[in-house]
Amino acid sequence: MRTAASALLMVLAALLAFAAVAGSAVDRLAHTSGPAREIAGSLPQDDAVRAALPPLVLHGILDQLPAGVPVPSALEDVLERASARAVTAVLDSSGFQPAWMTSIDASRQAYVDRLEAVRTGKAETAPVVLELGPLATQGVQRLKDDAGGLGLGMLAGMLPTDVEASVELDIPGIGPEGSARIAALVWAAGFWGWAAAVAALAAIASILLARPRARGPVVVLGGLLTCIWAIVLLNAPGQWLSADGGHPALQPGQTPSVAEAGALLGEAVRAHASSVVGGRLETAGILSLVAGGAVVVLGVVIRLIEDRRRNG
């Protein structure tokens, strides 16, 4: 009975340790800026993203004009071209990366808030939305700086200093059921510290409870479970990497519409996030495999030492 109870405690310790590691990763992704910035920080280097951002930000800028304000037809094309140039200039400016990081932070926080609303029953779904306000705000400022020489001073003056703009990304699995599962996962991940503490106590209790000759095998069991977890992680990247659906095809020099730009951006975000997450899972799998192997060796050594002590 002591051996069986010790083995069960070690299994419990391993499961809780895995939950703690996964929960810590999810909790950091949801509530700290680092992981999200790492995943999305280099997205603007993607050609599809650079093609998608200008029309989306442009739409956000022009949407800020007060309702009912007529735009003379002679100025419509001028305003659109000037706004497009302003947005393109923002993409190549030194202030772009800080504004992009601010957009990532705002998007992450807003998504976590929507997940909490789903968990508490205040909403049914939690759409993934990229906040473009910081970029659009810079675009408006550049447009205002250039508006006087283009005869757009009055229209540009109607635009607010701080612009709110966003685009909802077409991410699969974010319907009511998917949103509820993600919301529950993010909430449960907040308890990863408790899981780690209980895992440590269970592992210690397992070793202390085991008979002397069984302590080595119990430690080996913990190492083998860690190796199994490592194999799962090493096989996970293939499931995370999205199929090569490609971005919506555009002709050379073609400016995408708002709908096409949203599809381009959504596909780029999915592909890039899948690649980054898959790489992190693979790294975690390798480290877990090494750690599990070390624990197995430790368990074998403990058993050999015990046998040698018993044999005199």
C-alpha atoms as a PDB file:
ATOM      1  CA  MET A   1       0.000   0.000   0.000  1.00  0.00           C
ATOM      2  CA  ARG A   2       2.824   2.408   0.782  1.00  0.00           C
ATOM      3  CA  THR A   3       4.389   1.824  -2.619  1.00  0.00           C
ATOM      4  CA  ALA A   4       1.069   2.258  -4.439  1.00  0.00           C
ATOM      5  CA  ALA A   5       0.243   5.430  -2.510  1.00  0.00           C
ATOM      6  CA  SER A   6       3.730   6.782  -3.187  1.00  0.00           C
ATOM      7  CA  ALA A   7       3.380   6.113  -6.902  1.00  0.00           C
ATOM      8  CA  LEU A   8      -0.029   7.823  -7.007  1.00  0.00           C
ATOM      9  CA  LEU A   9       1.385  10.849  -5.217  1.00  0.00           C
ATOM     10  CA  MET A  10       4.214  11.050  -7.762  1.00  0.00           C
ATOM     11  CA  VAL A  11       1.725  10.875 -10.633  1.00  0.00           C
ATOM     12  CA  LEU A  12      -0.298  13.636  -8.974  1.00  0.00           C
ATOM     13  CA  ALA A  13       2.856  15.703  -8.488  1.00  0.00           C
ATOM     14  CA  ALA A  14       3.800  15.316 -12.163  1.00  0.00           C
ATOM     15  CA  LEU A  15       0.319  16.279 -13.389  1.00  0.00           C
ATOM     16  CA  LEU A  16       0.202  19.326 -11.134  1.00  0.00           C
ATOM     17  CA  ALA A  17       3.713  20.337 -12.203  1.00  0.00           C
ATOM     18  CA  PHE A  18       2.704  20.154 -15.870  1.00  0.00           C
ATOM     19  CA  ALA A  19      -0.427  22.202 -15.091  1.00  0.00           C
ATOM     20  CA  ALA A  20       1.693  24.771 -13.232  1.00  0.00           C
ATOM     21  CA  VAL A  21       4.126  25.157 -16.130  1.00  0.00           C
ATOM     22  CA  ALA A  22       1.324  25.493 -18.693  1.00  0.00           C
ATOM     23  CA  GLY A  23      -0.678  27.776 -16.417  1.00  0.00           C
ATOM     24  CA  SER A  24       2.309  30.030 -15.841  1.00  0.00           C
ATOM     25  CA  ALA A  25       2.803  30.406 -19.595  1.00  0.00           C
ATOM     26  CA  VAL A  26      -0.875  31.192 -20.204  1.00  0.00           C
ATOM     27  CA  ASP A  27      -1.003  33.620 -17.264  1.00  0.00           C
ATOM     28  CA  ARG A  28       2.098  35.487 -18.506  1.00  0.00           C
ATOM     29  CA  LEU A  29       0.678  35.660 -22.023  1.00  0.00           C
ATOM     30  CA  ALA A  30      -2.607  37.089 -20.756  1.00  0.00           C
ATOM     31  CA  HIS A  31      -1.402  39.477 -18.061  1.00  0.00           C
ATOM     32  CA  THR A  32       2.115  40.607 -18.998  1.00  0.00           C
ATOM     33  CA  SER A  33       3.297  42.464 -22.069  1.00  0.00           C
ATOM     34  CA  GLY A  34       6.435  40.436 -22.823  1.00  0.00           C
ATOM     35  CA  PRO A  35       5.050  37.282 -24.500  1.00  0.00           C
ATOM     36  CA  ALA A  36       2.504  39.134 -26.643  1.00  0.00           C
ATOM     37  CA  ARG A  37       5.159  41.613 -27.762  1.00  0.00           C
ATOM     38  CA  GLU A  38       7.491  38.741 -28.614  1.00  0.00           C
ATOM     39  CA  ILE A  39       4.798  37.063 -30.701  1.00  0.00           C
ATOM     40  CA  ALA A  40       3.540  40.147 -32.548  1.00  0.00           C
ATOM     41  CA  GLY A  41       6.466  42.560 -32.323  1.00  0.00           C
ATOM     42  CA  SER A  42       8.026  41.537 -35.637  1.00  0.00           C
ATOM     43  CA  LEU A  43       4.744  41.229 -37.539  1.00  0.00           C
ATOM     44  CA  PRO A  44       5.229  44.531 -39.431  1.00  0.00           C
ATOM     45  CA  GLN A  45       8.239  42.939 -41.155  1.00  0.00           C
ATOM     46  CA  ASP A  46       5.767  40.674 -42.959  1.00  0.00           C
ATOM     47  CA  ASP A  47       5.014  42.062 -46.432  1.00  0.00           C
ATOM     48  CA  ALA A  48       1.341  41.115 -46.046  1.00  0.00           C
ATOM     49  CA  VAL A  49       1.072  43.124 -42.834  1.00  0.00           C
ATOM     50  CA  ARG A  50       2.744  46.157 -44.415  1.00  0.00           C
ATOM     51  CA  ALA A  51       0.242  45.895 -47.256  1.00  0.00           C
ATOM     52  CA  ALA A  52      -2.703  45.521 -44.883  1.00  0.00           C
ATOM     53  CA  LEU A  53      -1.997  48.223 -42.317  1.00  0.00           C
ATOM     54  CA  PRO A  54      -2.269  51.381 -44.498  1.00  0.00           C
ATOM     55  CA  PRO A  55      -5.861  50.829 -45.727  1.00  0.00           C
ATOM     56  CA  LEU A  56      -6.995  49.727 -42.277  1.00  0.00           C
ATOM     57  CA  VAL A  57      -5.462  52.733 -40.531  1.00  0.00           C
ATOM     58  CA  LEU A  58      -6.661  54.983 -43.348  1.00  0.00           C
ATOM     59  CA  HIS A  59     -10.209  53.701 -42.861  1.00  0.00           C
ATOM     60  CA  GLY A  60      -9.891  54.432 -39.158  1.00  0.00           C
ATOM     61  CA  ILE A  61      -8.741  57.994 -39.847  1.00  0.00           C
ATOM     62  CA  LEU A  62     -11.461  58.828 -42.356  1.00  0.00           C
ATOM     63  CA  ASP A  63     -14.059  57.244 -40.090  1.00  0.00           C
ATOM     64  CA  GLN A  64     -13.238  59.918 -37.475  1.00  0.00           C
ATOM     65  CA  LEU A  65     -14.755  62.701 -39.561  1.00  0.00           C
ATOM     66  CA  PRO A  66     -17.929  63.887 -37.786  1.00  0.00           C
ATOM     67  CA  ALA A  67     -21.131  62.364 -39.154  1.00  0.00           C
ATOM     68  CA  GLY A  68     -23.019  64.672 -41.464  1.00  0.00           C
ATOM     69  CA  VAL A  69     -20.000  66.745 -42.433  1.00  0.00           C
ATOM     70  CA  PRO A  70     -19.965  66.901 -46.228  1.00  0.00           C
ATOM     71  CA  VAL A  71     -16.677  66.246 -47.981  1.00  0.00           C
ATOM     72  CA  PRO A  72     -16.511  68.058 -51.323  1.00  0.00           C
ATOM     73  CA  SER A  73     -16.120  65.548 -54.130  1.00  0.00           C
ATOM     74  CA  ALA A  74     -13.103  67.467 -55.395  1.00  0.00           C
ATOM     75  CA  LEU A  75     -11.359  66.850 -52.076  1.00  0.00           C
ATOM     76  CA  GLU A  76     -12.323  63.203 -51.538  1.00  0.00           C
ATOM     77  CA  ASP A  77      -9.458  61.802 -53.627  1.00  0.00           C
ATOM     78  CA  VAL A  78      -7.035  64.398 -52.296  1.00  0.00           C
ATOM     79  CA  LEU A  79      -7.965  63.565 -48.699  1.00  0.00           C
ATOM     80  CA  GLU A  80      -7.659  59.829 -49.285  1.00  0.00           C
ATOM     81  CA  ARG A  81      -4.298  60.116 -51.061  1.00  0.00           C
ATOM     82  CA  ALA A  82      -2.933  62.501 -48.402  1.00  0.00           C
ATOM     83  CA  SER A  83      -4.111  60.191 -45.623  1.00  0.00           C
ATOM     84  CA  ALA A  84      -2.571  57.176 -47.339  1.00  0.00           C
ATOM     85  CA  ARG A  85       0.763  58.999 -47.676  1.00  0.00           C
ATOM     86  CA  ALA A  86       0.597  59.996 -43.998  1.00  0.00           C
ATOM     87  CA  VAL A  87      -0.028  56.404 -42.913  1.00  0.00           C
ATOM     88  CA  THR A  88       2.755  55.076 -45.127  1.00  0.00           C
ATOM     89  CA  ALA A  89       5.115  57.670 -43.671  1.00  0.00           C
ATOM     90  CA  VAL A  90       4.183  56.474 -40.169  1.00  0.00           C
ATOM     91  CA  LEU A  91       5.149  52.905 -41.090  1.00  0.00           C
ATOM     92  CA  ASP A  92       8.643  54.100 -42.006  1.00  0.00           C
ATOM     93  CA  SER A  93       9.069  56.486 -39.075  1.00  0.00           C
ATOM     94  CA  SER A  94      11.019  55.999 -35.867  1.00  0.00           C
ATOM     95  CA  GLY A  95       7.807  56.331 -33.883  1.00  0.00           C
ATOM     96  CA  PHE A  96       6.153  53.352 -35.547  1.00  0.00           C
ATOM     97  CA  GLN A  97       7.564  50.553 -33.378  1.00  0.00           C
ATOM     98  CA  PRO A  98       6.599  52.186 -30.046  1.00  0.00           C
ATOM     99  CA  ALA A  99       3.100  52.840 -31.409  1.00  0.00           C
ATOM    100  CA  TRP A 100       2.880  49.240 -32.629  1.00  0.00           C
ATOM    101  CA  MET A 101       3.866  47.924 -29.208  1.00  0.00           C
ATOM    102  CA  THR A 102       1.244  50.161 -27.620  1.00  0.00           C
ATOM    103  CA  SER A 103      -1.305  48.687 -30.028  1.00  0.00           C
ATOM    104  CA  ILE A 104      -0.287  45.161 -29.015  1.00  0.00           C
ATOM    105  CA  ASP A 105      -0.591  45.983 -25.311  1.00  0.00           C
ATOM    106  CA  ALA A 106      -4.001  47.585 -25.771  1.00  0.00           C
ATOM    107  CA  SER A 107      -5.229  44.661 -27.888  1.00  0.00           C
ATOM    108  CA  ARG A 108      -4.077  42.094 -25.323  1.00  0.00           C
ATOM    109  CA  GLN A 109      -5.673  43.896 -22.390  1.00  0.00           C
ATOM    110  CA  ALA A 110      -8.947  44.439 -24.246  1.00  0.00           C
ATOM    111  CA  TYR A 111      -9.086  40.753 -25.215  1.00  0.00           C
ATOM    112  CA  VAL A 112      -8.502  39.644 -21.611  1.00  0.00           C
ATOM    113  CA  ASP A 113     -11.309  41.982 -20.503  1.00  0.00           C
ATOM    114  CA  ARG A 114     -13.634  40.449 -23.098  1.00  0.00           C
ATOM    115  CA  LEU A 115     -12.712  36.947 -21.896  1.00  0.00           C
ATOM    116  CA  GLU A 116     -13.573  37.949 -18.323  1.00  0.00           C
ATOM    117  CA  ALA A 117     -16.922  39.259 -19.561  1.00  0.00           C
ATOM    118  CA  VAL A 118     -17.572  35.865 -21.174  1.00  0.00           C
ATOM    119  CA  ARG A 119     -16.612  34.017 -17.978  1.00  0.00           C
ATOM    120  CA  THR A 120     -18.940  36.127 -15.847  1.00  0.00           C
ATOM    121  CA  GLY A 121     -21.815  35.769 -18.300  1.00  0.00           C
ATOM    122  CA  LYS A 122     -21.804  39.392 -19.452  1.00  0.00           C
ATOM    123  CA  ALA A 123     -20.946  38.425 -23.060  1.00  0.00           C
ATOM    124  CA  GLU A 124     -21.182  35.344 -25.264  1.00  0.00           C
ATOM    125  CA  THR A 125     -18.072  35.730 -27.384  1.00  0.00           C
ATOM    126  CA  ALA A 126     -14.656  37.359 -27.114  1.00  0.00           C
ATOM    127  CA  PRO A 127     -13.538  38.465 -30.588  1.00  0.00           C
ATOM    128  CA  VAL A 128      -9.850  39.085 -31.250  1.00  0.00           C
ATOM    129  CA  VAL A 129      -9.462  42.755 -32.123  1.00  0.00           C
ATOM    130  CA  LEU A 130      -6.293  44.598 -33.108  1.00  0.00           C
ATOM    131  CA  GLU A 131      -6.343  48.126 -31.738  1.00  0.00           C
ATOM    132  CA  LEU A 132      -4.933  50.553 -34.300  1.00  0.00           C
ATOM    133  CA  GLY A 133      -5.551  53.789 -32.422  1.00  0.00           C
ATOM    134  CA  PRO A 134      -1.871  54.603 -31.681  1.00  0.00           C
ATOM    135  CA  LEU A 135      -0.961  54.196 -35.366  1.00  0.00           C
ATOM    136  CA  ALA A 136      -3.999  56.113 -36.586  1.00  0.00           C
ATOM    137  CA  THR A 137      -3.228  58.923 -34.126  1.00  0.00           C
ATOM    138  CA  GLN A 138       0.253  59.309 -35.607  1.00  0.00           C
ATOM    139  CA  GLY A 139      -1.236  59.241 -39.097  1.00  0.00           C
ATOM    140  CA  VAL A 140      -3.692  62.018 -38.210  1.00  0.00           C
ATOM    141  CA  GLN A 141      -0.881  64.160 -36.822  1.00  0.00           C
ATOM    142  CA  ARG A 142       1.124  63.781 -40.034  1.00  0.00           C
ATOM    143  CA  LEU A 143      -1.981  64.512 -42.084  1.00  0.00           C
ATOM    144  CA  LYS A 144      -2.629  67.679 -40.105  1.00  0.00           C
ATOM    145  CA  ASP A 145       0.977  68.789 -40.621  1.00  0.00           C
ATOM    146  CA  ASP A 146       0.623  68.419 -44.405  1.00  0.00           C
ATOM    147  CA  ALA A 147      -3.039  69.444 -44.752  1.00  0.00           C
ATOM    148  CA  GLY A 148      -2.511  73.185 -45.113  1.00  0.00           C
ATOM    149  CA  GLY A 149      -0.623  72.956 -48.396  1.00  0.00           C
ATOM    150  CA  LEU A 150      -3.252  70.595 -49.852  1.00  0.00           C
ATOM    151  CA  GLY A 151      -6.315  72.657 -49.028  1.00  0.00           C
ATOM    152  CA  LEU A 152      -7.432  70.164 -46.392  1.00  0.00           C
ATOM    153  CA  GLY A 153      -6.888  72.328 -43.337  1.00  0.00           C
ATOM    154  CA  MET A 154     -10.582  72.552 -42.388  1.00  0.00           C
ATOM    155  CA  LEU A 155     -11.233  68.813 -42.798  1.00  0.00           C
ATOM    156  CA  ALA A 156      -8.042  67.817 -41.007  1.00  0.00           C
ATOM    157  CA  GLY A 157      -8.921  70.169 -38.173  1.00  0.00           C
ATOM    158  CA  MET A 158     -12.127  68.204 -37.585  1.00  0.00           C
ATOM    159  CA  LEU A 159     -10.184  65.048 -36.825  1.00  0.00           C
ATOM    160  CA  PRO A 160      -9.581  64.325 -33.128  1.00  0.00           C
ATOM    161  CA  THR A 161      -6.099  64.360 -31.656  1.00  0.00           C
ATOM    162  CA  ASP A 162      -6.503  60.842 -30.236  1.00  0.00           C
ATOM    163  CA  VAL A 163      -7.997  58.425 -32.735  1.00  0.00           C
ATOM    164  CA  GLU A 164      -9.825  55.208 -31.905  1.00  0.00           C
ATOM    165  CA  ALA A 165      -9.501  52.583 -34.635  1.00  0.00           C
ATOM    166  CA  SER A 166      -9.554  48.805 -34.601  1.00  0.00           C
ATOM    167  CA  VAL A 167     -10.026  45.757 -36.792  1.00  0.00           C
ATOM    168  CA  GLU A 168     -11.537  42.426 -35.770  1.00  0.00           C
ATOM    169  CA  LEU A 169      -9.364  39.488 -36.811  1.00  0.00           C
ATOM    170  CA  ASP A 170     -10.926  36.400 -38.328  1.00  0.00           C
ATOM    171  CA  ILE A 171      -9.534  33.822 -35.881  1.00  0.00           C
ATOM    172  CA  PRO A 172     -11.082  30.319 -35.865  1.00  0.00           C
ATOM    173  CA  GLY A 173     -12.437  28.851 -32.650  1.00  0.00           C
ATOM    174  CA  ILE A 174     -13.656  32.075 -31.017  1.00  0.00           C
ATOM    175  CA  GLY A 175     -17.376  31.348 -31.136  1.00  0.00           C
ATOM    176  CA  PRO A 176     -19.412  31.056 -27.912  1.00  0.00           C
ATOM    177  CA  GLU A 177     -18.041  27.616 -26.978  1.00  0.00           C
ATOM    178  CA  GLY A 178     -14.461  28.450 -27.924  1.00  0.00           C
ATOM    179  CA  SER A 179     -14.578  31.786 -26.092  1.00  0.00           C
ATOM    180  CA  ALA A 180     -15.953  30.093 -22.973  1.00  0.00           C
ATOM    181  CA  ARG A 181     -13.156  27.494 -23.015  1.00  0.00           C
ATOM    182  CA  ILE A 182     -10.437  30.123 -23.469  1.00  0.00           C
ATOM    183  CA  ALA A 183     -11.956  32.295 -20.730  1.00  0.00           C
ATOM    184  CA  ALA A 184     -12.008  29.354 -18.305  1.00  0.00           C
ATOM    185  CA  LEU A 185      -8.411  28.473 -19.208  1.00  0.00           C
ATOM    186  CA  VAL A 186      -7.132  32.011 -18.615  1.00  0.00           C
ATOM    187  CA  TRP A 187      -8.984  32.169 -15.282  1.00  0.00           C
ATOM    188  CA  ALA A 188      -7.672  28.781 -14.121  1.00  0.00           C
ATOM    189  CA  ALA A 189      -4.123  29.686 -15.200  1.00  0.00           C
ATOM    190  CA  GLY A 190      -4.061  32.301 -12.452  1.00  0.00           C
ATOM    191  CA  PHE A 191      -3.779  29.476  -9.905  1.00  0.00           C
ATOM    192  CA  TRP A 192      -0.561  28.051 -11.329  1.00  0.00           C
ATOM    193  CA  GLY A 193       1.402  29.031  -8.198  1.00  0.00           C
ATOM    194  CA  TRP A 194      -0.852  26.920  -6.005  1.00  0.00           C
ATOM    195  CA  ALA A 195      -0.500  24.009  -8.425  1.00  0.00           C
ATOM    196  CA  ALA A 196       3.303  24.293  -8.267  1.00  0.00           C
ATOM    197  CA  ALA A 197       3.287  24.366  -4.453  1.00  0.00           C
ATOM    198  CA  VAL A 198       1.019  21.338  -4.153  1.00  0.00           C
ATOM    199  CA  ALA A 199       3.104  19.502  -6.789  1.00  0.00           C
ATOM    200  CA  ALA A 200       6.263  20.057  -4.738  1.00  0.00           C
ATOM    201  CA  LEU A 201       4.568  18.854  -1.544  1.00  0.00           C
ATOM    202  CA  ALA A 202       3.159  15.790  -3.308  1.00  0.00           C
ATOM    203  CA  ALA A 203       6.584  14.887  -4.731  1.00  0.00           C
ATOM    204  CA  ILE A 204       8.243  15.199  -1.316  1.00  0.00           C
ATOM    205  CA  ALA A 205       5.471  13.193   0.336  1.00  0.00           C
ATOM    206  CA  SER A 206       5.788  10.532  -2.363  1.00  0.00           C
ATOM    207  CA  ILE A 207       9.501  10.040  -1.702  1.00  0.00           C
ATOM    208  CA  LEU A 208       9.109  10.084   2.088  1.00  0.00           C
ATOM    209  CA  LEU A 209       6.197   7.653   2.009  1.00  0.00           C
ATOM    210  CA  ALA A 210       7.937   5.121  -0.225  1.00  0.00           C
ATOM    211  CA  ARG A 211       9.903   2.291   1.304  1.00  0.00           C
ATOM    212  CA  PRO A 212      13.680   2.811   0.984  1.00  0.00           C
ATOM    213  CA  ARG A 213      14.060   0.329  -1.886  1.00  0.00           C
ATOM    214  CA  ALA A 214      11.077   1.873  -3.695  1.00  0.00           C
ATOM    215  CA  ARG A 215      12.290   5.477  -3.596  1.00  0.00           C
ATOM    216  CA  GLY A 216      14.501   5.076  -6.642  1.00  0.00           C
ATOM    217  CA  PRO A 217      11.692   3.596  -8.799  1.00  0.00           C
ATOM    218  CA  VAL A 218       9.310   6.334  -7.640  1.00  0.00           C
ATOM    219  CA  VAL A 219      11.789   8.992  -8.740  1.00  0.00           C
ATOM    220  CA  VAL A 220      12.225   7.130 -12.048  1.00  0.00           C
ATOM    221  CA  LEU A 221       8.430   7.224 -12.464  1.00  0.00           C
ATOM    222  CA  GLY A 222       8.484  11.011 -12.099  1.00  0.00           C
ATOM    223  CA  GLY A 223      11.260  11.252 -14.689  1.00  0.00           C
ATOM    224  CA  LEU A 224       9.410   9.021 -17.145  1.00  0.00           C
ATOM    225  CA  LEU A 225       6.252  11.106 -16.796  1.00  0.00           C
ATOM    226  CA  THR A 226       8.310  14.214 -17.518  1.00  0.00           C
ATOM    227  CA  CYS A 227       9.737  12.552 -20.647  1.00  0.00           C
ATOM    228  CA  ILE A 228       6.204  11.705 -21.814  1.00  0.00           C
ATOM    229  CA  TRP A 229       5.231  15.356 -21.305  1.00  0.00           C
ATOM    230  CA  ALA A 230       8.297  16.361 -23.329  1.00  0.00           C
ATOM    231  CA  ILE A 231       7.296  14.099 -26.217  1.00  0.00           C
ATOM    232  CA  VAL A 232       3.825  15.678 -26.230  1.00  0.00           C
ATOM    233  CA  LEU A 233       5.372  19.143 -26.427  1.00  0.00           C
ATOM    234  CA  LEU A 234       7.758  18.124 -29.199  1.00  0.00           C
ATOM    235  CA  ASN A 235       4.838  16.843 -31.283  1.00  0.00           C
ATOM    236  CA  ALA A 236       2.697  19.901 -30.574  1.00  0.00           C
ATOM    237  CA  PRO A 237       4.358  22.417 -32.969  1.00  0.00           C
ATOM    238  CA  GLY A 238       3.100  20.529 -36.008  1.00  0.00           C
ATOM    239  CA  GLN A 239      -0.439  21.018 -34.749  1.00  0.00           C
ATOM    240  CA  TRP A 240       0.117  24.704 -33.991  1.00  0.00           C
ATOM    241  CA  LEU A 241       1.614  25.603 -37.340  1.00  0.00           C
ATOM    242  CA  SER A 242      -1.210  26.692 -39.605  1.00  0.00           C
ATOM    243  CA  ALA A 243      -1.763  25.081 -42.933  1.00  0.00           C
ATOM    244  CA  ASP A 244      -0.287  26.946 -45.857  1.00  0.00           C
ATOM    245  CA  GLY A 245      -3.428  28.713 -46.878  1.00  0.00           C
ATOM    246  CA  GLY A 246      -1.425  31.759 -47.942  1.00  0.00           C
ATOM    247  CA  HIS A 247      -2.558  35.311 -47.882  1.00  0.00           C
ATOM    248  CA  PRO A 248      -5.345  36.462 -50.200  1.00  0.00           C
ATOM    249  CA  ALA A 249      -3.748  36.932 -53.611  1.00  0.00           C
ATOM    250  CA  LEU A 250      -3.129  40.504 -54.712  1.00  0.00           C
ATOM    251  CA  GLN A 251      -1.896  41.774 -58.034  1.00  0.00           C
ATOM    252  CA  PRO A 252       1.461  43.598 -57.954  1.00  0.00           C
ATOM    253  CA  GLY A 253       0.913  47.181 -56.885  1.00  0.00           C
ATOM    254  CA  GLN A 254      -2.722  46.530 -55.970  1.00  0.00           C
ATOM    255  CA  THR A 255      -4.017  48.342 -52.889  1.00  0.00           C
ATOM    256  CA  PRO A 256      -6.182  45.981 -50.842  1.00  0.00           C
ATOM    257  CA  SER A 257      -9.683  46.972 -49.796  1.00  0.00           C
ATOM    258  CA  VAL A 258     -10.536  47.159 -46.102  1.00  0.00           C
ATOM    259  CA  ALA A 259     -12.011  43.639 -46.221  1.00  0.00           C
ATOM    260  CA  GLU A 260      -8.977  42.268 -48.077  1.00  0.00           C
ATOM    261  CA  ALA A 261      -6.619  44.064 -45.693  1.00  0.00           C
ATOM    262  CA  GLY A 262      -8.425  42.564 -42.700  1.00  0.00           C
ATOM    263  CA  ALA A 263      -8.109  39.079 -44.216  1.00  0.00           C
ATOM    264  CA  LEU A 264      -4.412  39.656 -44.953  1.00  0.00           C
ATOM    265  CA  LEU A 265      -3.732  40.827 -41.415  1.00  0.00           C
ATOM    266  CA  GLY A 266      -5.725  38.021 -39.803  1.00  0.00           C
ATOM    267  CA  GLU A 267      -3.914  35.361 -41.823  1.00  0.00           C
ATOM    268  CA  ALA A 268      -0.523  36.918 -41.070  1.00  0.00           C
ATOM    269  CA  VAL A 269      -1.270  37.077 -37.335  1.00  0.00           C
ATOM    270  CA  ARG A 270      -2.386  33.422 -37.265  1.00  0.00           C
ATOM    271  CA  ALA A 271       0.643  32.194 -39.192  1.00  0.00           C
ATOM    272  CA  HIS A 272       3.155  34.243 -37.198  1.00  0.00           C
ATOM    273  CA  ALA A 273       1.644  33.431 -33.801  1.00  0.00           C
ATOM    274  CA  SER A 274       1.509  29.725 -34.682  1.00  0.00           C
ATOM    275  CA  SER A 275       5.162  29.769 -35.696  1.00  0.00           C
ATOM    276  CA  VAL A 276       6.310  31.555 -32.528  1.00  0.00           C
ATOM    277  CA  VAL A 277       4.193  29.432 -30.181  1.00  0.00           C
ATOM    278  CA  GLY A 278       5.281  26.263 -31.964  1.00  0.00           C
ATOM    279  CA  GLY A 279       8.923  27.220 -31.531  1.00  0.00           C
ATOM    280  CA  ARG A 280       8.457  27.900 -27.834  1.00  0.00           C
ATOM    281  CA  LEU A 281       6.705  24.553 -27.358  1.00  0.00           C
ATOM    282  CA  GLU A 282       9.549  22.777 -29.095  1.00  0.00           C
ATOM    283  CA  THR A 283      12.111  24.483 -26.851  1.00  0.00           C
ATOM    284  CA  ALA A 284      10.091  23.598 -23.751  1.00  0.00           C
ATOM    285  CA  GLY A 285       9.867  20.002 -24.981  1.00  0.00           C
ATOM    286  CA  ILE A 286      13.630  19.678 -25.367  1.00  0.00           C
ATOM    287  CA  LEU A 287      14.261  21.139 -21.906  1.00  0.00           C
ATOM    288  CA  SER A 288      11.627  18.847 -20.379  1.00  0.00           C
ATOM    289  CA  LEU A 289      13.159  15.825 -22.088  1.00  0.00           C
ATOM    290  CA  VAL A 290      16.599  16.659 -20.701  1.00  0.00           C
ATOM    291  CA  ALA A 291      15.162  17.251 -17.218  1.00  0.00           C
ATOM    292  CA  GLY A 292      13.151  14.039 -17.343  1.00  0.00           C
ATOM    293  CA  GLY A 293      16.179  12.047 -18.414  1.00  0.00           C
ATOM    294  CA  ALA A 294      18.211  13.527 -15.560  1.00  0.00           C
ATOM    295  CA  VAL A 295      15.497  12.560 -13.055  1.00  0.00           C
ATOM    296  CA  VAL A 296      15.419   8.992 -14.424  1.00  0.00           C
ATOM    297  CA  VAL A 297      19.189   8.728 -13.978  1.00  0.00           C
ATOM    298  CA  LEU A 298      18.865  10.119 -10.445  1.00  0.00           C
ATOM    299  CA  GLY A 299      16.250   7.520  -9.617  1.00  0.00           C
ATOM    300  CA  VAL A 300      18.476   4.704 -10.915  1.00  0.00           C
ATOM    301  CA  VAL A 301      21.405   6.016  -8.859  1.00  0.00           C
ATOM    302  CA  ILE A 302      19.244   6.165  -5.732  1.00  0.00           C
ATOM    303  CA  ARG A 303      18.178   2.563  -6.266  1.00  0.00           C
ATOM    304  CA  LEU A 304      21.772   1.396  -6.840  1.00  0.00           C
ATOM    305  CA  ILE A 305      22.949   3.176  -3.695  1.00  0.00           C
ATOM    306  CA  GLU A 306      20.176   1.555  -1.667  1.00  0.00           C
ATOM    307  CA  ASP A 307      20.980  -1.900  -3.064  1.00  0.00           C
ATOM    308  CA  ARG A 308      24.647  -1.416  -2.303  1.00  0.00           C
ATOM    309  CA  ARG A 309      23.877  -0.310   1.258  1.00  0.00           C
ATOM    310  CA  ARG A 310      21.658  -3.334   1.845  1.00  0.00           C
ATOM    311  CA  ASN A 311      24.264  -5.705   0.441  1.00  0.00           C
ATOM    312  CA  GLY A 312      26.832  -4.370   2.794  1.00  0.00           C
END
